[in-house]
Amino acid sequence: NNQSYISVMAFRYGDLPSGKTPLDIYDMQNEDLFGKRTNVSVIEKATTQNLPQYELTQALYSAERDGTKNYYGSYLIDFPEDETFAWVLITATPSYFESNRETLHNIVCSLAITK
C-alpha cells in the first residue's frame, strides 16, 4: 500500500559475535538505521515483556529520510528455547501507523518458530 512496510531479519544465537547478545544486535540495527536518518526522535522508549512464547522488546521512533517523515516500530523477538531471535522493523507514515497500530503490532507478534 506504500504506506507501511515490515522487514524481518532472523538470527541464530550461534551466529552472534563473541560476547554479543540479541539485545546488542537490536541496538546495533537501530543505530545503523537511525544513523542514516535525520530528525530522529523517540516516540516510545524501549520496553521489554516476557511472554510465554518469547521475549519482546519494542520501541517507536520518528525520523525523516529524503524529507519524508516516517514512524519506525523497532522490535526484538527473542526465542531463547530455540536459540533464535529476530529484529523486526515496521516503517509507516505516522497517520497510517496510528490508524493501524494494533493490526501492525499483532502482525509482528504473530511471528513464530516452526519446526
Protein backbone atom coordinates (compact mmCIF):
# COMPACT_ATOMS: atom_id res chain seq x y z
CA ASN A 1 0.00 0.00 0.00
CA ASN A 2 3.12 2.22 0.03
CA GLN A 3 2.14 3.42 3.50
CA SER A 4 3.81 0.68 5.51
CA TYR A 5 6.48 -2.00 5.27
CA ILE A 6 7.58 -4.76 7.60
CA SER A 7 11.12 -6.10 7.50
CA VAL A 8 12.30 -9.18 9.38
CA MET A 9 15.91 -10.18 9.97
CA ALA A 10 16.30 -13.57 11.67
CA PHE A 11 19.39 -14.68 13.56
CA ARG A 12 20.64 -17.79 15.36
CA TYR A 13 22.45 -17.50 18.69
CA GLY A 14 25.34 -19.46 17.17
CA ASP A 15 25.90 -16.64 14.66
CA LEU A 16 26.33 -13.96 17.33
CA PRO A 17 29.77 -12.37 17.56
CA SER A 18 31.64 -13.38 20.71
CA GLY A 19 30.29 -11.60 23.79
CA LYS A 20 27.22 -10.19 21.98
CA THR A 21 23.58 -10.75 22.93
CA PRO A 22 20.36 -10.44 20.92
CA LEU A 23 19.80 -7.06 22.61
CA ASP A 24 23.23 -5.90 21.36
CA ILE A 25 22.19 -6.80 17.80
CA TYR A 26 18.87 -4.97 18.28
CA ASP A 27 20.77 -1.87 19.42
CA MET A 28 23.28 -2.16 16.54
CA GLN A 29 20.49 -2.49 13.95
CA ASN A 30 18.72 0.57 15.36
CA GLU A 31 21.94 2.60 15.46
CA ASP A 32 22.71 1.69 11.86
CA LEU A 33 19.21 2.57 10.67
CA PHE A 34 18.88 5.85 12.54
CA GLY A 35 22.41 6.88 11.62
CA LYS A 36 21.03 7.11 8.08
CA ARG A 37 18.01 9.24 9.05
CA THR A 38 17.52 12.83 10.18
CA ASN A 39 15.36 14.41 12.87
CA VAL A 40 15.27 11.17 14.83
CA SER A 41 13.16 11.23 17.98
CA VAL A 42 11.93 8.60 20.39
CA ILE A 43 8.14 8.45 20.48
CA GLU A 44 8.00 5.48 22.89
CA LYS A 45 11.05 4.26 24.81
CA ALA A 46 12.05 0.61 24.56
CA THR A 47 10.14 -1.73 26.82
CA THR A 48 10.57 -5.47 27.30
CA GLN A 49 7.91 -8.06 28.07
CA ASN A 50 8.45 -11.71 28.92
CA LEU A 51 5.68 -13.55 27.10
CA PRO A 52 5.06 -17.32 27.13
CA GLN A 53 6.46 -17.94 23.65
CA TYR A 54 9.21 -15.27 23.51
CA GLU A 55 10.68 -12.12 24.98
CA LEU A 56 9.54 -8.96 23.19
CA THR A 57 11.41 -5.64 23.20
CA GLN A 58 9.80 -2.75 21.33
CA ALA A 59 10.26 0.96 20.74
CA LEU A 60 8.76 3.57 18.44
CA TYR A 61 10.75 6.28 16.67
CA SER A 62 10.04 9.13 14.30
CA ALA A 63 12.63 10.07 11.68
CA GLU A 64 13.00 11.54 8.22
CA ARG A 65 14.60 10.18 5.09
CA ASP A 66 14.85 12.29 1.96
CA GLY A 67 12.47 14.82 3.53
CA THR A 68 9.76 12.24 4.27
CA LYS A 69 8.73 11.63 7.88
CA ASN A 70 8.01 8.07 8.96
CA TYR A 71 7.39 6.17 12.14
CA TYR A 72 9.63 3.19 12.83
CA GLY A 73 8.42 0.44 15.13
CA SER A 74 11.52 -1.50 16.15
CA TYR A 75 11.09 -4.95 17.70
CA LEU A 76 13.34 -7.65 19.07
CA ILE A 77 11.63 -11.02 19.32
CA ASP A 78 13.82 -13.46 21.21
CA PHE A 79 13.05 -17.20 21.27
CA PRO A 80 15.67 -18.39 23.82
CA GLU A 81 14.48 -22.01 23.84
CA ASP A 82 15.11 -22.18 20.08
CA GLU A 83 18.28 -20.05 20.24
CA THR A 84 16.76 -17.80 17.59
CA PHE A 85 15.80 -14.14 17.51
CA ALA A 86 14.54 -11.58 15.03
CA TRP A 87 14.86 -7.85 14.57
CA VAL A 88 11.60 -6.61 13.06
CA LEU A 89 11.06 -3.13 11.70
CA ILE A 90 7.75 -1.53 10.79
CA THR A 91 8.14 1.54 8.61
CA ALA A 92 4.95 3.57 8.11
CA THR A 93 3.64 7.04 7.61
CA PRO A 94 2.69 8.47 11.01
CA SER A 95 -1.04 8.59 10.20
CA TYR A 96 -1.09 5.03 8.86
CA PHE A 97 0.84 3.75 11.88
CA GLU A 98 -1.51 5.43 14.35
CA SER A 99 -4.62 4.24 12.49
CA ASN A 100 -3.35 0.66 12.23
CA ARG A 101 -1.17 0.34 15.33
CA GLU A 102 -2.94 -2.68 16.79
CA THR A 103 -3.00 -4.59 13.48
CA LEU A 104 0.68 -3.90 12.82
CA HIS A 105 1.59 -4.95 16.36
CA ASN A 106 -0.45 -8.15 16.01
CA ILE A 107 1.31 -9.00 12.74
CA VAL A 108 4.70 -8.63 14.40
CA CYS A 109 3.62 -10.62 17.45
CA SER A 110 2.37 -13.47 15.27
CA LEU A 111 5.97 -14.34 14.42
CA ALA A 112 6.63 -17.94 15.42
CA ILE A 113 9.27 -20.62 15.07
CA THR A 114 8.16 -23.61 13.02
CA LYS A 115 9.89 -26.92 13.40
